[in-house]
């Protein structure tokens, strides 16, 4: 979740300091692609009024709500075996990659896997194909997707 320090943190949208008593909203770091317009609001805080007036406000709220509904204890069912992932050393979480309406990569948002079960994940090949295509087309900025690809390939 974004760290909000009243009197010090700046609104990501207007740039003004968020003061004590201001109605503010903070989002978790959920958007992995630095090229995604929503990335600027990920792990950031803003005045609620600024967010309400920004065209990215509604989609960011939706992504944040999806994250909260699909992550955390009781919500980590492995896509390969359907058993909840409990061991952090055996855990791969694929967060928000893309809007599912923008292409096939978004179908893999919120995927949980035991690393030890990746070789049995039926969609591994499909995921890798779409992830590598996204990276190859230059539609991704940042290291997150390449790191996920590397992790999956290391366990196949």
C-alpha atoms as a PDB file:
ATOM      1  CA  UNK A   1       0.000   0.000   0.000  1.00  0.00           C
ATOM      2  CA  UNK A   2       1.187   3.524  -0.634  1.00  0.00           C
ATOM      3  CA  UNK A   3       2.778   5.247   2.318  1.00  0.00           C
ATOM      4  CA  UNK A   4       0.840   8.425   2.973  1.00  0.00           C
ATOM      5  CA  UNK A   5       2.473  10.990   5.250  1.00  0.00           C
ATOM      6  CA  UNK A   6       0.107  13.897   5.764  1.00  0.00           C
ATOM      7  CA  UNK A   7       1.880  17.196   5.273  1.00  0.00           C
ATOM      8  CA  UNK A   8       4.647  15.542   3.241  1.00  0.00           C
ATOM      9  CA  UNK A   9       3.191  13.226   0.580  1.00  0.00           C
ATOM     10  CA  UNK A  10       2.210  14.812  -2.713  1.00  0.00           C
ATOM     11  CA  UNK A  11      -0.907  13.977  -4.673  1.00  0.00           C
ATOM     12  CA  UNK A  12       0.135  12.008  -7.741  1.00  0.00           C
ATOM     13  CA  UNK A  13      -2.470  13.819  -9.834  1.00  0.00           C
ATOM     14  CA  UNK A  14      -2.309  17.511  -8.845  1.00  0.00           C
ATOM     15  CA  UNK A  15       1.143  17.554  -7.240  1.00  0.00           C
ATOM     16  CA  UNK A  16      -0.014  19.407  -4.110  1.00  0.00           C
ATOM     17  CA  UNK A  17       0.839  18.177  -0.633  1.00  0.00           C
ATOM     18  CA  UNK A  18      -1.848  16.032   0.990  1.00  0.00           C
ATOM     19  CA  UNK A  19      -2.564  17.790   4.281  1.00  0.00           C
ATOM     20  CA  UNK A  20      -3.979  16.445   7.530  1.00  0.00           C
ATOM     21  CA  UNK A  21      -7.752  16.322   7.142  1.00  0.00           C
ATOM     22  CA  UNK A  22      -7.642  15.966   3.346  1.00  0.00           C
ATOM     23  CA  UNK A  23      -9.693  13.094   1.982  1.00  0.00           C
ATOM     24  CA  UNK A  24      -7.007  10.929   0.377  1.00  0.00           C
ATOM     25  CA  UNK A  25      -6.725   7.529  -1.286  1.00  0.00           C
ATOM     26  CA  UNK A  26      -3.688   5.247  -1.421  1.00  0.00           C
ATOM     27  CA  UNK A  27      -3.217   2.302  -3.747  1.00  0.00           C
ATOM     28  CA  UNK A  28      -1.099  -0.826  -3.412  1.00  0.00           C
ATOM     29  CA  UNK A  29       1.683  -1.509  -5.888  1.00  0.00           C
ATOM     30  CA  UNK A  30      -0.343  -3.622  -8.297  1.00  0.00           C
ATOM     31  CA  UNK A  31       0.404  -2.395 -11.817  1.00  0.00           C
ATOM     32  CA  UNK A  32       3.586  -4.112 -12.987  1.00  0.00           C
ATOM     33  CA  UNK A  33       3.994  -2.585 -16.451  1.00  0.00           C
ATOM     34  CA  UNK A  34       5.636   0.830 -16.263  1.00  0.00           C
ATOM     35  CA  UNK A  35       4.211   1.566 -19.745  1.00  0.00           C
ATOM     36  CA  UNK A  36       0.637   1.155 -18.469  1.00  0.00           C
ATOM     37  CA  UNK A  37      -1.015   4.551 -17.834  1.00  0.00           C
ATOM     38  CA  UNK A  38      -2.256   3.224 -14.465  1.00  0.00           C
ATOM     39  CA  UNK A  39       1.327   2.675 -13.291  1.00  0.00           C
ATOM     40  CA  UNK A  40       1.610   6.270 -12.013  1.00  0.00           C
ATOM     41  CA  UNK A  41      -1.210   5.601  -9.533  1.00  0.00           C
ATOM     42  CA  UNK A  42       0.149   2.239  -8.394  1.00  0.00           C
ATOM     43  CA  UNK A  43       1.782   2.499  -4.954  1.00  0.00           C
ATOM     44  CA  UNK A  44       0.769   6.148  -4.839  1.00  0.00           C
ATOM     45  CA  UNK A  45      -1.592   8.459  -2.989  1.00  0.00           C
ATOM     46  CA  UNK A  46      -3.888  11.202  -4.219  1.00  0.00           C
ATOM     47  CA  UNK A  47      -6.663  13.471  -3.068  1.00  0.00           C
ATOM     48  CA  UNK A  48      -9.971  11.648  -3.499  1.00  0.00           C
ATOM     49  CA  UNK A  49     -11.365  14.668  -5.379  1.00  0.00           C
ATOM     50  CA  UNK A  50      -8.417  14.580  -7.806  1.00  0.00           C
ATOM     51  CA  UNK A  51      -8.870  10.858  -8.347  1.00  0.00           C
ATOM     52  CA  UNK A  52     -12.615  11.300  -8.899  1.00  0.00           C
ATOM     53  CA  UNK A  53     -11.922  13.873 -11.608  1.00  0.00           C
ATOM     54  CA  UNK A  54      -9.173  11.921 -13.362  1.00  0.00           C
ATOM     55  CA  UNK A  55     -10.005   9.526 -16.226  1.00  0.00           C
ATOM     56  CA  UNK A  56      -7.689   6.928 -14.668  1.00  0.00           C
ATOM     57  CA  UNK A  57      -9.489   7.071 -11.316  1.00  0.00           C
ATOM     58  CA  UNK A  58     -12.215   4.527 -12.032  1.00  0.00           C
ATOM     59  CA  UNK A  59      -9.972   1.970 -13.759  1.00  0.00           C
ATOM     60  CA  UNK A  60      -7.379   2.230 -10.976  1.00  0.00           C
ATOM     61  CA  UNK A  61     -10.032   1.704  -8.311  1.00  0.00           C
ATOM     62  CA  UNK A  62     -11.238  -1.362 -10.225  1.00  0.00           C
ATOM     63  CA  UNK A  63      -7.714  -2.824 -10.465  1.00  0.00           C
ATOM     64  CA  UNK A  64      -7.129  -2.161  -6.768  1.00  0.00           C
ATOM     65  CA  UNK A  65     -10.437  -3.850  -5.857  1.00  0.00           C
ATOM     66  CA  UNK A  66      -9.525  -6.841  -8.059  1.00  0.00           C
ATOM     67  CA  UNK A  67      -6.200  -7.102  -6.267  1.00  0.00           C
ATOM     68  CA  UNK A  68      -7.821  -7.016  -2.844  1.00  0.00           C
ATOM     69  CA  UNK A  69     -10.347  -9.659  -3.955  1.00  0.00           C
ATOM     70  CA  UNK A  70      -7.690 -11.953  -5.438  1.00  0.00           C
ATOM     71  CA  UNK A  71      -4.706 -11.729  -3.095  1.00  0.00           C
ATOM     72  CA  UNK A  72      -3.986 -12.532   0.506  1.00  0.00           C
ATOM     73  CA  UNK A  73      -4.671 -15.476   2.778  1.00  0.00           C
ATOM     74  CA  UNK A  74      -7.474 -17.711   1.570  1.00  0.00           C
ATOM     75  CA  UNK A  75      -7.166 -16.373  -1.972  1.00  0.00           C
ATOM     76  CA  UNK A  76      -3.952 -18.028  -3.140  1.00  0.00           C
ATOM     77  CA  UNK A  77      -5.195 -21.165  -4.882  1.00  0.00           C
ATOM     78  CA  UNK A  78      -2.475 -22.538  -7.132  1.00  0.00           C
ATOM     79  CA  UNK A  79      -3.520 -22.478 -10.801  1.00  0.00           C
ATOM     80  CA  UNK A  80      -1.845 -25.863 -11.289  1.00  0.00           C
ATOM     81  CA  UNK A  81      -3.173 -27.859  -8.316  1.00  0.00           C
ATOM     82  CA  UNK A  82      -5.960 -25.702  -6.764  1.00  0.00           C
ATOM     83  CA  UNK A  83      -4.412 -25.977  -3.277  1.00  0.00           C
ATOM     84  CA  UNK A  84      -3.691 -22.741  -1.436  1.00  0.00           C
ATOM     85  CA  UNK A  85      -0.066 -21.628  -1.603  1.00  0.00           C
ATOM     86  CA  UNK A  86       1.200 -21.175   1.964  1.00  0.00           C
ATOM     87  CA  UNK A  87       4.982 -21.393   1.651  1.00  0.00           C
ATOM     88  CA  UNK A  88       6.428 -18.023   0.559  1.00  0.00           C
ATOM     89  CA  UNK A  89       9.543 -19.764  -0.778  1.00  0.00           C
ATOM     90  CA  UNK A  90       7.365 -21.879  -3.094  1.00  0.00           C
ATOM     91  CA  UNK A  91       5.165 -19.029  -4.308  1.00  0.00           C
ATOM     92  CA  UNK A  92       4.881 -17.123  -7.563  1.00  0.00           C
ATOM     93  CA  UNK A  93       2.177 -14.481  -7.824  1.00  0.00           C
ATOM     94  CA  UNK A  94       1.413 -12.925 -11.183  1.00  0.00           C
ATOM     95  CA  UNK A  95      -0.207  -9.589 -10.425  1.00  0.00           C
ATOM     96  CA  UNK A  96      -1.852  -7.103 -12.760  1.00  0.00           C
ATOM     97  CA  UNK A  97      -0.243  -7.467 -16.178  1.00  0.00           C
ATOM     98  CA  UNK A  98      -2.804  -5.788 -18.425  1.00  0.00           C
ATOM     99  CA  UNK A  99      -6.438  -4.974 -18.949  1.00  0.00           C
ATOM    100  CA  UNK A 100      -7.951  -8.268 -20.182  1.00  0.00           C
ATOM    101  CA  UNK A 101      -9.836  -6.379 -22.886  1.00  0.00           C
ATOM    102  CA  UNK A 102      -6.509  -5.137 -24.323  1.00  0.00           C
ATOM    103  CA  UNK A 103      -5.132  -8.565 -25.153  1.00  0.00           C
ATOM    104  CA  UNK A 104      -4.494 -12.101 -23.953  1.00  0.00           C
ATOM    105  CA  UNK A 105      -1.869 -11.318 -21.311  1.00  0.00           C
ATOM    106  CA  UNK A 106      -4.529  -9.853 -19.014  1.00  0.00           C
ATOM    107  CA  UNK A 107      -6.147 -13.286 -18.692  1.00  0.00           C
ATOM    108  CA  UNK A 108      -3.249 -14.211 -16.413  1.00  0.00           C
ATOM    109  CA  UNK A 109      -3.785 -11.375 -13.929  1.00  0.00           C
ATOM    110  CA  UNK A 110      -3.928 -12.605 -10.337  1.00  0.00           C
ATOM    111  CA  UNK A 111      -2.450 -16.059 -11.059  1.00  0.00           C
ATOM    112  CA  UNK A 112      -1.026 -17.887  -8.032  1.00  0.00           C
ATOM    113  CA  UNK A 113       1.374 -20.804  -8.415  1.00  0.00           C
ATOM    114  CA  UNK A 114       3.426 -23.119  -6.303  1.00  0.00           C
ATOM    115  CA  UNK A 115       6.825 -22.792  -7.961  1.00  0.00           C
ATOM    116  CA  UNK A 116       7.162 -26.540  -7.549  1.00  0.00           C
ATOM    117  CA  UNK A 117       3.959 -27.041  -9.606  1.00  0.00           C
ATOM    118  CA  UNK A 118       4.745 -24.717 -12.517  1.00  0.00           C
ATOM    119  CA  UNK A 119       5.781 -27.679 -14.662  1.00  0.00           C
ATOM    120  CA  UNK A 120       2.220 -29.004 -14.284  1.00  0.00           C
ATOM    121  CA  UNK A 121       0.513 -25.692 -15.030  1.00  0.00           C
ATOM    122  CA  UNK A 122      -1.477 -26.302 -18.244  1.00  0.00           C
ATOM    123  CA  UNK A 123      -1.346 -22.623 -19.277  1.00  0.00           C
ATOM    124  CA  UNK A 124       2.418 -22.181 -18.835  1.00  0.00           C
ATOM    125  CA  UNK A 125       3.176 -22.419 -22.552  1.00  0.00           C
ATOM    126  CA  UNK A 126       0.379 -20.028 -23.463  1.00  0.00           C
ATOM    127  CA  UNK A 127       1.475 -17.556 -20.807  1.00  0.00           C
ATOM    128  CA  UNK A 128       5.093 -17.661 -21.983  1.00  0.00           C
ATOM    129  CA  UNK A 129       4.053 -17.169 -25.619  1.00  0.00           C
ATOM    130  CA  UNK A 130       1.978 -14.069 -24.809  1.00  0.00           C
ATOM    131  CA  UNK A 131       4.516 -12.675 -22.326  1.00  0.00           C
ATOM    132  CA  UNK A 132       7.409 -13.015 -24.759  1.00  0.00           C
ATOM    133  CA  UNK A 133       5.340 -11.469 -27.551  1.00  0.00           C
ATOM    134  CA  UNK A 134       4.532  -8.507 -25.301  1.00  0.00           C
ATOM    135  CA  UNK A 135       8.198  -8.075 -24.416  1.00  0.00           C
ATOM    136  CA  UNK A 136       9.235  -8.446 -28.068  1.00  0.00           C
ATOM    137  CA  UNK A 137       6.800  -5.785 -29.256  1.00  0.00           C
ATOM    138  CA  UNK A 138       8.153  -3.259 -26.789  1.00  0.00           C
ATOM    139  CA  UNK A 139       4.791  -2.908 -25.044  1.00  0.00           C
ATOM    140  CA  UNK A 140       6.346  -3.464 -21.635  1.00  0.00           C
ATOM    141  CA  UNK A 141       8.638  -1.297 -19.523  1.00  0.00           C
ATOM    142  CA  UNK A 142      10.324  -2.485 -16.366  1.00  0.00           C
ATOM    143  CA  UNK A 143      11.756  -5.801 -15.252  1.00  0.00           C
ATOM    144  CA  UNK A 144       8.676  -7.489 -13.744  1.00  0.00           C
ATOM    145  CA  UNK A 145       7.452  -9.443 -16.778  1.00  0.00           C
ATOM    146  CA  UNK A 146      10.927 -10.648 -17.757  1.00  0.00           C
ATOM    147  CA  UNK A 147      11.453 -11.800 -14.166  1.00  0.00           C
ATOM    148  CA  UNK A 148       8.157 -13.733 -14.192  1.00  0.00           C
ATOM    149  CA  UNK A 149       9.090 -15.352 -17.506  1.00  0.00           C
ATOM    150  CA  UNK A 150      12.494 -16.308 -16.110  1.00  0.00           C
ATOM    151  CA  UNK A 151      10.906 -17.801 -12.971  1.00  0.00           C
ATOM    152  CA  UNK A 152       8.447 -19.876 -14.979  1.00  0.00           C
ATOM    153  CA  UNK A 153      11.086 -21.087 -17.432  1.00  0.00           C
ATOM    154  CA  UNK A 154      13.333 -22.071 -14.526  1.00  0.00           C
ATOM    155  CA  UNK A 155      10.620 -24.393 -13.190  1.00  0.00           C
ATOM    156  CA  UNK A 156       9.400 -26.037 -16.396  1.00  0.00           C
END
